Amino acid sequence: MSSRWQKQHIHFQRIVWVTSIIITVLLIIPLLLLGQGIEVAGVFFIVIFAITRITLAFILKNRFANSMVRILKFDYEEIERDFRIVFKNKNISFKRISEEDAYRYEFPWHKLSMTVEPYWLSPDSKKPATKVTLFELTTKNKAFAEMLAKSIDEMADERPNNKVEQGLKSDT
């Protein structure tokens, strides 16, 4: 079916990578100065980098989240109409902006944006998917973002293609 919403900080990804590399290099230099071989330092580099990256990602990206991301297993052009219906039914005012390979929705009263773009699950996957990102989350618009996410979840569960998939799963 579909994934669930994941909270993350969209600007911390580069910071996490760079910081992980810097910390790892600073921890490896003493090993090399103490006469350890390059093979030992290489193994420690990989282990320390992995541990540092996971730790920083958990601490920074998840704790200070400013976006919510979900992958829907529908074509982004087909689902775009459903988004407008959801917004109309919930009386949500929005401004839709078409971009090259995406749609962006601005919710000016809530200072929140949503991007809808194609997403590839894997290189050999033939099924279309859509990446939905709610960004510019703040404490003031968090309730609105969660209501919007719940509405999108309900819309995805009610789509005809999804009901067919659920029926096939219950028959097996």
N, C-alpha and C. Protein backbone atom coordinates (compact mmCIF):
# COMPACT_ATOMS: atom_id res chain seq x y z
N MET A 1 0.84 -1.17 0.00
CA MET A 1 0.00 0.00 0.00
C MET A 1 0.90 1.24 0.00
N SER A 2 0.74 2.13 0.93
CA SER A 2 1.50 3.37 0.97
C SER A 2 2.38 3.41 2.21
N SER A 3 3.34 4.28 2.16
CA SER A 3 4.20 4.47 3.32
C SER A 3 3.48 5.33 4.35
N ARG A 4 4.13 5.64 5.42
CA ARG A 4 3.59 6.53 6.45
C ARG A 4 4.39 7.82 6.43
N TRP A 5 3.86 8.84 7.06
CA TRP A 5 4.54 10.13 7.12
C TRP A 5 5.80 10.01 7.95
N GLN A 6 6.86 10.60 7.46
CA GLN A 6 8.13 10.65 8.17
C GLN A 6 8.50 12.10 8.40
N LYS A 7 8.82 12.43 9.63
CA LYS A 7 9.26 13.78 9.94
C LYS A 7 10.77 13.85 9.76
N GLN A 8 11.23 14.94 9.17
CA GLN A 8 12.65 15.13 8.98
C GLN A 8 12.97 16.61 8.80
N HIS A 9 14.22 16.92 8.87
CA HIS A 9 14.66 18.29 8.63
C HIS A 9 15.37 18.31 7.28
N ILE A 10 14.81 19.01 6.33
CA ILE A 10 15.31 18.92 4.96
C ILE A 10 16.66 19.59 4.77
N HIS A 11 17.06 20.50 5.64
CA HIS A 11 18.34 21.18 5.47
C HIS A 11 19.47 20.51 6.23
N PHE A 12 19.18 19.60 7.13
CA PHE A 12 20.22 18.98 7.94
C PHE A 12 20.92 17.82 7.25
N GLN A 13 20.45 17.36 6.12
CA GLN A 13 21.06 16.20 5.46
C GLN A 13 22.53 16.46 5.13
N ARG A 14 22.83 17.60 4.51
CA ARG A 14 24.22 17.92 4.19
C ARG A 14 25.04 18.13 5.46
N ILE A 15 24.45 18.78 6.44
CA ILE A 15 25.15 19.02 7.70
C ILE A 15 25.52 17.70 8.37
N VAL A 16 24.61 16.74 8.35
CA VAL A 16 24.88 15.43 8.95
C VAL A 16 26.04 14.74 8.23
N TRP A 17 26.04 14.76 6.90
CA TRP A 17 27.11 14.11 6.15
C TRP A 17 28.46 14.77 6.43
N VAL A 18 28.53 16.09 6.32
CA VAL A 18 29.79 16.80 6.51
C VAL A 18 30.30 16.64 7.94
N THR A 19 29.42 16.79 8.91
CA THR A 19 29.81 16.66 10.31
C THR A 19 30.30 15.24 10.60
N SER A 20 29.65 14.24 10.04
CA SER A 20 30.08 12.85 10.23
C SER A 20 31.49 12.63 9.69
N ILE A 21 31.76 13.17 8.53
CA ILE A 21 33.09 13.02 7.93
C ILE A 21 34.14 13.72 8.78
N ILE A 22 33.85 14.94 9.22
CA ILE A 22 34.81 15.70 10.03
C ILE A 22 35.12 14.98 11.34
N ILE A 23 34.08 14.53 12.04
CA ILE A 23 34.28 13.83 13.31
C ILE A 23 35.09 12.55 13.08
N THR A 24 34.75 11.82 12.04
CA THR A 24 35.45 10.57 11.76
C THR A 24 36.93 10.82 11.45
N VAL A 25 37.21 11.81 10.63
CA VAL A 25 38.60 12.12 10.29
C VAL A 25 39.38 12.54 11.55
N LEU A 26 38.74 13.35 12.40
CA LEU A 26 39.40 13.78 13.63
C LEU A 26 39.68 12.61 14.57
N LEU A 27 38.85 11.58 14.54
CA LEU A 27 39.09 10.41 15.38
C LEU A 27 40.10 9.44 14.75
N ILE A 28 40.24 9.47 13.45
CA ILE A 28 41.15 8.56 12.75
C ILE A 28 42.59 9.08 12.78
N ILE A 29 42.79 10.38 12.76
CA ILE A 29 44.14 10.97 12.75
C ILE A 29 45.00 10.45 13.90
N PRO A 30 44.48 10.41 15.15
CA PRO A 30 45.32 9.86 16.23
C PRO A 30 45.71 8.40 16.00
N LEU A 31 44.84 7.61 15.41
CA LEU A 31 45.18 6.22 15.10
C LEU A 31 46.38 6.14 14.16
N LEU A 32 46.35 6.96 13.13
CA LEU A 32 47.46 6.97 12.18
C LEU A 32 48.74 7.49 12.82
N LEU A 33 48.63 8.50 13.69
CA LEU A 33 49.81 9.04 14.36
C LEU A 33 50.41 8.05 15.35
N LEU A 34 49.58 7.17 15.90
CA LEU A 34 50.07 6.16 16.84
C LEU A 34 50.68 4.95 16.11
N GLY A 35 50.72 5.00 14.81
CA GLY A 35 51.39 3.95 14.05
C GLY A 35 50.49 2.83 13.58
N GLN A 36 49.19 2.97 13.69
CA GLN A 36 48.29 1.94 13.18
C GLN A 36 48.34 1.96 11.65
N GLY A 37 48.17 0.83 11.05
CA GLY A 37 48.21 0.72 9.60
C GLY A 37 46.99 1.34 8.95
N ILE A 38 47.10 1.60 7.66
CA ILE A 38 46.01 2.20 6.90
C ILE A 38 44.80 1.27 6.86
N GLU A 39 45.03 -0.05 6.90
CA GLU A 39 43.92 -0.99 6.89
C GLU A 39 43.09 -0.86 8.16
N VAL A 40 43.76 -0.77 9.31
CA VAL A 40 43.07 -0.63 10.59
C VAL A 40 42.32 0.70 10.62
N ALA A 41 42.98 1.75 10.17
CA ALA A 41 42.35 3.07 10.16
C ALA A 41 41.15 3.09 9.21
N GLY A 42 41.26 2.38 8.08
CA GLY A 42 40.14 2.32 7.14
C GLY A 42 38.92 1.64 7.73
N VAL A 43 39.15 0.53 8.44
CA VAL A 43 38.03 -0.17 9.08
C VAL A 43 37.40 0.71 10.15
N PHE A 44 38.25 1.35 10.97
CA PHE A 44 37.71 2.25 11.99
C PHE A 44 36.97 3.42 11.36
N PHE A 45 37.46 3.93 10.24
CA PHE A 45 36.79 5.03 9.55
C PHE A 45 35.36 4.64 9.17
N ILE A 46 35.22 3.47 8.59
CA ILE A 46 33.89 3.01 8.17
C ILE A 46 32.96 2.83 9.37
N VAL A 47 33.46 2.20 10.41
CA VAL A 47 32.62 1.95 11.60
C VAL A 47 32.25 3.26 12.28
N ILE A 48 33.24 4.11 12.52
CA ILE A 48 32.97 5.38 13.21
C ILE A 48 32.05 6.27 12.36
N PHE A 49 32.28 6.30 11.05
CA PHE A 49 31.43 7.10 10.17
C PHE A 49 29.98 6.64 10.24
N ALA A 50 29.76 5.33 10.16
CA ALA A 50 28.39 4.80 10.20
C ALA A 50 27.71 5.14 11.53
N ILE A 51 28.40 4.94 12.62
CA ILE A 51 27.82 5.23 13.94
C ILE A 51 27.54 6.72 14.09
N THR A 52 28.47 7.56 13.68
CA THR A 52 28.31 9.01 13.78
C THR A 52 27.16 9.49 12.90
N ARG A 53 27.09 8.97 11.69
CA ARG A 53 26.03 9.40 10.76
C ARG A 53 24.65 9.04 11.28
N ILE A 54 24.50 7.82 11.77
CA ILE A 54 23.19 7.39 12.30
C ILE A 54 22.83 8.21 13.53
N THR A 55 23.78 8.42 14.41
CA THR A 55 23.51 9.19 15.63
C THR A 55 23.12 10.63 15.30
N LEU A 56 23.90 11.27 14.45
CA LEU A 56 23.58 12.67 14.09
C LEU A 56 22.26 12.77 13.34
N ALA A 57 21.99 11.82 12.47
CA ALA A 57 20.72 11.84 11.73
C ALA A 57 19.55 11.73 12.69
N PHE A 58 19.67 10.85 13.65
CA PHE A 58 18.59 10.68 14.62
C PHE A 58 18.42 11.93 15.46
N ILE A 59 19.52 12.49 15.94
CA ILE A 59 19.46 13.66 16.82
C ILE A 59 18.98 14.90 16.07
N LEU A 60 19.59 15.19 14.92
CA LEU A 60 19.30 16.44 14.23
C LEU A 60 18.08 16.38 13.32
N LYS A 61 18.08 15.43 12.38
CA LYS A 61 17.03 15.41 11.37
C LYS A 61 15.67 15.11 11.96
N ASN A 62 15.59 14.20 12.89
CA ASN A 62 14.29 13.81 13.43
C ASN A 62 13.82 14.73 14.55
N ARG A 63 14.73 15.15 15.38
CA ARG A 63 14.34 15.96 16.54
C ARG A 63 13.92 17.36 16.13
N PHE A 64 14.60 17.94 15.18
CA PHE A 64 14.31 19.31 14.75
C PHE A 64 13.61 19.29 13.39
N ALA A 65 12.61 18.48 13.24
CA ALA A 65 11.93 18.30 11.96
C ALA A 65 11.24 19.58 11.51
N ASN A 66 11.38 19.88 10.22
CA ASN A 66 10.67 21.00 9.64
C ASN A 66 9.89 20.58 8.39
N SER A 67 9.78 19.26 8.20
CA SER A 67 9.01 18.76 7.07
C SER A 67 8.45 17.38 7.38
N MET A 68 7.42 17.02 6.62
CA MET A 68 6.83 15.69 6.70
C MET A 68 6.82 15.15 5.27
N VAL A 69 7.25 13.90 5.11
CA VAL A 69 7.36 13.31 3.77
C VAL A 69 6.61 11.99 3.76
N ARG A 70 5.91 11.75 2.65
CA ARG A 70 5.23 10.47 2.46
C ARG A 70 5.29 10.09 0.99
N ILE A 71 5.48 8.80 0.74
CA ILE A 71 5.47 8.27 -0.62
C ILE A 71 4.13 7.58 -0.84
N LEU A 72 3.41 8.03 -1.87
CA LEU A 72 2.13 7.41 -2.24
C LEU A 72 2.35 6.62 -3.52
N LYS A 73 1.77 5.44 -3.59
CA LYS A 73 1.96 4.59 -4.76
C LYS A 73 0.90 4.87 -5.83
N PHE A 74 0.87 6.14 -6.23
CA PHE A 74 -0.02 6.60 -7.29
C PHE A 74 0.76 7.54 -8.18
N ASP A 75 0.33 7.69 -9.44
CA ASP A 75 0.97 8.62 -10.36
C ASP A 75 0.67 10.05 -9.89
N TYR A 76 1.67 10.90 -9.87
CA TYR A 76 1.50 12.24 -9.32
C TYR A 76 0.54 13.11 -10.12
N GLU A 77 0.42 12.87 -11.42
CA GLU A 77 -0.52 13.66 -12.22
C GLU A 77 -1.96 13.22 -11.99
N GLU A 78 -2.18 11.93 -11.75
CA GLU A 78 -3.53 11.44 -11.49
C GLU A 78 -4.02 11.88 -10.11
N ILE A 79 -3.15 11.87 -9.15
CA ILE A 79 -3.54 12.16 -7.77
C ILE A 79 -3.71 13.67 -7.52
N GLU A 80 -3.18 14.48 -8.42
CA GLU A 80 -3.25 15.93 -8.26
C GLU A 80 -4.69 16.42 -8.17
N ARG A 81 -5.58 15.86 -8.96
CA ARG A 81 -7.00 16.23 -8.92
C ARG A 81 -7.60 15.91 -7.55
N ASP A 82 -7.22 14.76 -6.99
CA ASP A 82 -7.73 14.35 -5.69
C ASP A 82 -7.30 15.31 -4.58
N PHE A 83 -6.09 15.85 -4.69
CA PHE A 83 -5.64 16.83 -3.70
C PHE A 83 -6.55 18.06 -3.71
N ARG A 84 -6.87 18.54 -4.91
CA ARG A 84 -7.74 19.72 -5.00
C ARG A 84 -9.13 19.44 -4.42
N ILE A 85 -9.65 18.22 -4.62
CA ILE A 85 -10.95 17.85 -4.06
C ILE A 85 -10.88 17.83 -2.53
N VAL A 86 -9.81 17.26 -1.99
CA VAL A 86 -9.64 17.23 -0.53
C VAL A 86 -9.60 18.64 0.03
N PHE A 87 -8.81 19.52 -0.61
CA PHE A 87 -8.70 20.89 -0.12
C PHE A 87 -10.05 21.61 -0.19
N LYS A 88 -10.80 21.36 -1.25
CA LYS A 88 -12.12 21.99 -1.39
C LYS A 88 -13.07 21.47 -0.31
N ASN A 89 -13.08 20.16 -0.08
CA ASN A 89 -13.97 19.57 0.94
C ASN A 89 -13.63 20.03 2.35
N LYS A 90 -12.38 20.31 2.61
CA LYS A 90 -11.95 20.75 3.94
C LYS A 90 -11.92 22.28 4.06
N ASN A 91 -12.38 22.97 3.01
CA ASN A 91 -12.38 24.44 2.98
C ASN A 91 -10.99 25.02 3.24
N ILE A 92 -10.01 24.47 2.58
CA ILE A 92 -8.63 24.93 2.73
C ILE A 92 -8.30 25.79 1.52
N SER A 93 -7.93 27.03 1.78
CA SER A 93 -7.53 27.90 0.66
C SER A 93 -6.08 27.59 0.31
N PHE A 94 -5.81 27.55 -0.99
CA PHE A 94 -4.47 27.21 -1.45
C PHE A 94 -4.18 27.90 -2.77
N LYS A 95 -2.93 27.97 -3.09
CA LYS A 95 -2.47 28.47 -4.38
C LYS A 95 -1.62 27.36 -4.99
N ARG A 96 -1.99 26.92 -6.18
CA ARG A 96 -1.28 25.83 -6.86
C ARG A 96 -0.32 26.42 -7.88
N ILE A 97 0.92 25.95 -7.84
CA ILE A 97 1.95 26.42 -8.75
C ILE A 97 2.51 25.19 -9.48
N SER A 98 2.45 25.22 -10.81
CA SER A 98 3.01 24.13 -11.60
C SER A 98 4.49 24.40 -11.83
N GLU A 99 5.29 23.39 -11.56
CA GLU A 99 6.72 23.48 -11.83
C GLU A 99 7.06 22.46 -12.90
N GLU A 100 8.32 22.31 -13.22
CA GLU A 100 8.72 21.44 -14.33
C GLU A 100 8.18 20.02 -14.17
N ASP A 101 8.52 19.34 -13.10
CA ASP A 101 8.05 17.97 -12.86
C ASP A 101 7.40 17.86 -11.49
N ALA A 102 6.70 18.89 -11.08
CA ALA A 102 6.09 18.85 -9.75
C ALA A 102 4.97 19.88 -9.67
N TYR A 103 4.18 19.74 -8.63
CA TYR A 103 3.18 20.73 -8.28
C TYR A 103 3.52 21.22 -6.88
N ARG A 104 3.36 22.50 -6.67
CA ARG A 104 3.57 23.05 -5.34
C ARG A 104 2.30 23.75 -4.91
N TYR A 105 1.90 23.48 -3.69
CA TYR A 105 0.73 24.12 -3.11
C TYR A 105 1.18 25.01 -1.98
N GLU A 106 0.71 26.23 -2.00
CA GLU A 106 1.00 27.17 -0.92
C GLU A 106 -0.30 27.35 -0.13
N PHE A 107 -0.16 27.29 1.19
CA PHE A 107 -1.29 27.53 2.09
C PHE A 107 -0.96 28.80 2.86
N PRO A 108 -1.29 29.96 2.27
CA PRO A 108 -0.81 31.23 2.81
C PRO A 108 -1.28 31.54 4.24
N TRP A 109 -2.46 31.13 4.60
CA TRP A 109 -2.96 31.43 5.94
C TRP A 109 -2.21 30.66 7.02
N HIS A 110 -1.59 29.57 6.62
CA HIS A 110 -0.90 28.71 7.58
C HIS A 110 0.61 28.73 7.40
N LYS A 111 1.09 29.48 6.40
CA LYS A 111 2.52 29.56 6.10
C LYS A 111 3.14 28.17 5.97
N LEU A 112 2.48 27.34 5.16
CA LEU A 112 2.90 25.97 4.93
C LEU A 112 2.89 25.72 3.43
N SER A 113 3.81 24.90 2.95
CA SER A 113 3.87 24.55 1.54
C SER A 113 3.85 23.03 1.41
N MET A 114 3.39 22.59 0.25
CA MET A 114 3.37 21.16 -0.04
C MET A 114 3.85 20.97 -1.48
N THR A 115 4.79 20.05 -1.65
CA THR A 115 5.30 19.72 -2.98
C THR A 115 4.87 18.30 -3.32
N VAL A 116 4.37 18.13 -4.54
CA VAL A 116 3.95 16.82 -5.04
C VAL A 116 4.77 16.56 -6.29
N GLU A 117 5.60 15.50 -6.25
CA GLU A 117 6.49 15.23 -7.37
C GLU A 117 6.60 13.73 -7.62
N PRO A 118 6.98 13.35 -8.84
CA PRO A 118 7.15 11.92 -9.12
C PRO A 118 8.30 11.35 -8.30
N TYR A 119 8.19 10.07 -7.99
CA TYR A 119 9.20 9.39 -7.18
C TYR A 119 9.37 7.98 -7.73
N TRP A 120 10.59 7.52 -7.80
CA TRP A 120 10.84 6.18 -8.31
C TRP A 120 11.21 5.29 -7.14
N LEU A 121 10.42 4.23 -6.95
CA LEU A 121 10.66 3.31 -5.84
C LEU A 121 11.95 2.53 -6.04
N SER A 122 12.22 2.11 -7.26
CA SER A 122 13.47 1.43 -7.60
C SER A 122 13.69 1.60 -9.10
N PRO A 123 14.92 1.42 -9.56
CA PRO A 123 15.19 1.63 -10.99
C PRO A 123 14.38 0.74 -11.92
N ASP A 124 14.06 -0.49 -11.52
CA ASP A 124 13.30 -1.38 -12.40
C ASP A 124 11.82 -1.43 -12.09
N SER A 125 11.35 -0.57 -11.22
CA SER A 125 9.93 -0.55 -10.87
C SER A 125 9.13 0.14 -11.96
N LYS A 126 8.06 -0.49 -12.38
CA LYS A 126 7.19 0.08 -13.41
C LYS A 126 6.02 0.85 -12.80
N LYS A 127 5.78 0.64 -11.49
CA LYS A 127 4.66 1.31 -10.84
C LYS A 127 5.01 2.76 -10.54
N PRO A 128 4.08 3.67 -10.83
CA PRO A 128 4.33 5.07 -10.51
C PRO A 128 4.18 5.32 -9.00
N ALA A 129 4.89 6.31 -8.53
CA ALA A 129 4.78 6.72 -7.13
C ALA A 129 4.91 8.23 -7.07
N THR A 130 4.46 8.78 -5.96
CA THR A 130 4.46 10.22 -5.76
C THR A 130 5.05 10.54 -4.41
N LYS A 131 5.94 11.51 -4.38
CA LYS A 131 6.52 11.98 -3.12
C LYS A 131 5.81 13.27 -2.72
N VAL A 132 5.21 13.27 -1.53
CA VAL A 132 4.50 14.43 -1.02
C VAL A 132 5.31 14.97 0.16
N THR A 133 5.66 16.25 0.10
CA THR A 133 6.44 16.87 1.16
C THR A 133 5.71 18.09 1.69
N LEU A 134 5.39 18.07 2.97
CA LEU A 134 4.87 19.24 3.66
C LEU A 134 6.07 19.90 4.33
N PHE A 135 6.33 21.16 3.98
CA PHE A 135 7.50 21.78 4.59
C PHE A 135 7.20 23.17 5.12
N GLU A 136 8.17 23.67 5.85
CA GLU A 136 8.07 24.90 6.62
C GLU A 136 7.21 24.69 7.86
N LEU A 137 7.33 23.50 8.47
CA LEU A 137 6.58 23.21 9.69
C LEU A 137 7.08 24.07 10.83
N THR A 138 6.14 24.61 11.58
CA THR A 138 6.46 25.37 12.78
C THR A 138 5.50 24.92 13.88
N THR A 139 5.71 25.41 15.07
CA THR A 139 4.79 25.06 16.15
C THR A 139 3.41 25.65 15.89
N LYS A 140 3.34 26.77 15.17
CA LYS A 140 2.05 27.42 14.89
C LYS A 140 1.22 26.66 13.86
N ASN A 141 1.88 26.03 12.87
CA ASN A 141 1.10 25.36 11.82
C ASN A 141 1.15 23.83 11.94
N LYS A 142 1.66 23.33 13.04
CA LYS A 142 1.77 21.88 13.23
C LYS A 142 0.41 21.19 13.21
N ALA A 143 -0.58 21.77 13.88
CA ALA A 143 -1.92 21.17 13.92
C ALA A 143 -2.53 21.13 12.51
N PHE A 144 -2.36 22.20 11.75
CA PHE A 144 -2.88 22.24 10.39
C PHE A 144 -2.17 21.19 9.52
N ALA A 145 -0.85 21.08 9.66
CA ALA A 145 -0.08 20.10 8.88
C ALA A 145 -0.53 18.68 9.21
N GLU A 146 -0.78 18.39 10.47
CA GLU A 146 -1.23 17.05 10.85
C GLU A 146 -2.64 16.77 10.33
N MET A 147 -3.51 17.78 10.34
CA MET A 147 -4.85 17.62 9.77
C MET A 147 -4.75 17.37 8.26
N LEU A 148 -3.87 18.10 7.60
CA LEU A 148 -3.67 17.93 6.17
C LEU A 148 -3.11 16.55 5.87
N ALA A 149 -2.15 16.09 6.66
CA ALA A 149 -1.57 14.75 6.47
C ALA A 149 -2.63 13.68 6.67
N LYS A 150 -3.47 13.84 7.67
CA LYS A 150 -4.55 12.87 7.92
C LYS A 150 -5.54 12.86 6.75
N SER A 151 -5.86 14.01 6.23
CA SER A 151 -6.77 14.10 5.08
C SER A 151 -6.18 13.42 3.85
N ILE A 152 -4.88 13.58 3.64
CA ILE A 152 -4.20 12.92 2.52
C ILE A 152 -4.19 11.42 2.72
N ASP A 153 -3.98 10.97 3.96
CA ASP A 153 -4.04 9.54 4.26
C ASP A 153 -5.41 8.96 3.92
N GLU A 154 -6.46 9.68 4.34
CA GLU A 154 -7.82 9.22 4.06
C GLU A 154 -8.08 9.18 2.56
N MET A 155 -7.60 10.19 1.84
CA MET A 155 -7.78 10.23 0.39
C MET A 155 -7.08 9.04 -0.26
N ALA A 156 -5.86 8.75 0.18
CA ALA A 156 -5.10 7.63 -0.39
C ALA A 156 -5.80 6.30 -0.12
N ASP A 157 -6.38 6.16 1.06
CA ASP A 157 -7.08 4.91 1.40
C ASP A 157 -8.38 4.74 0.61
N GLU A 158 -8.98 5.84 0.18
CA GLU A 158 -10.26 5.78 -0.53
C GLU A 158 -10.10 5.68 -2.05
N ARG A 159 -8.89 5.84 -2.56
CA ARG A 159 -8.70 5.79 -4.02
C ARG A 159 -9.11 4.42 -4.56
N PRO A 160 -9.75 4.38 -5.73
CA PRO A 160 -10.20 3.10 -6.31
C PRO A 160 -9.08 2.08 -6.49
N ASN A 161 -7.91 2.49 -6.97
CA ASN A 161 -6.79 1.56 -7.16
C ASN A 161 -6.39 0.92 -5.85
N ASN A 162 -6.46 1.71 -4.78
CA ASN A 162 -6.05 1.20 -3.47
C ASN A 162 -7.05 0.17 -2.95
N LYS A 163 -8.35 0.39 -3.19
CA LYS A 163 -9.36 -0.57 -2.75
C LYS A 163 -9.19 -1.90 -3.48
N VAL A 164 -8.82 -1.84 -4.76
CA VAL A 164 -8.58 -3.08 -5.50
C VAL A 164 -7.40 -3.82 -4.89
N GLU A 165 -6.30 -3.09 -4.57
CA GLU A 165 -5.13 -3.73 -3.96
C GLU A 165 -5.50 -4.35 -2.61
N GLN A 166 -6.29 -3.63 -1.79
CA GLN A 166 -6.67 -4.15 -0.48
C GLN A 166 -7.53 -5.38 -0.63
N GLY A 167 -8.44 -5.39 -1.64
CA GLY A 167 -9.28 -6.56 -1.87
C GLY A 167 -8.46 -7.75 -2.27
N LEU A 168 -7.44 -7.52 -3.12
CA LEU A 168 -6.57 -8.63 -3.52
C LEU A 168 -5.80 -9.18 -2.33
N LYS A 169 -5.36 -8.33 -1.43
CA LYS A 169 -4.61 -8.80 -0.26
C LYS A 169 -5.49 -9.60 0.67
N SER A 170 -6.76 -9.20 0.82
CA SER A 170 -7.64 -9.92 1.75
C SER A 170 -8.07 -11.27 1.18
N ASP A 171 -8.05 -11.42 -0.17
CA ASP A 171 -8.43 -12.68 -0.78
C ASP A 171 -7.35 -13.75 -0.66
N THR A 172 -6.09 -13.32 -0.50
CA THR A 172 -5.00 -14.30 -0.44
C THR A 172 -4.78 -14.84 0.94
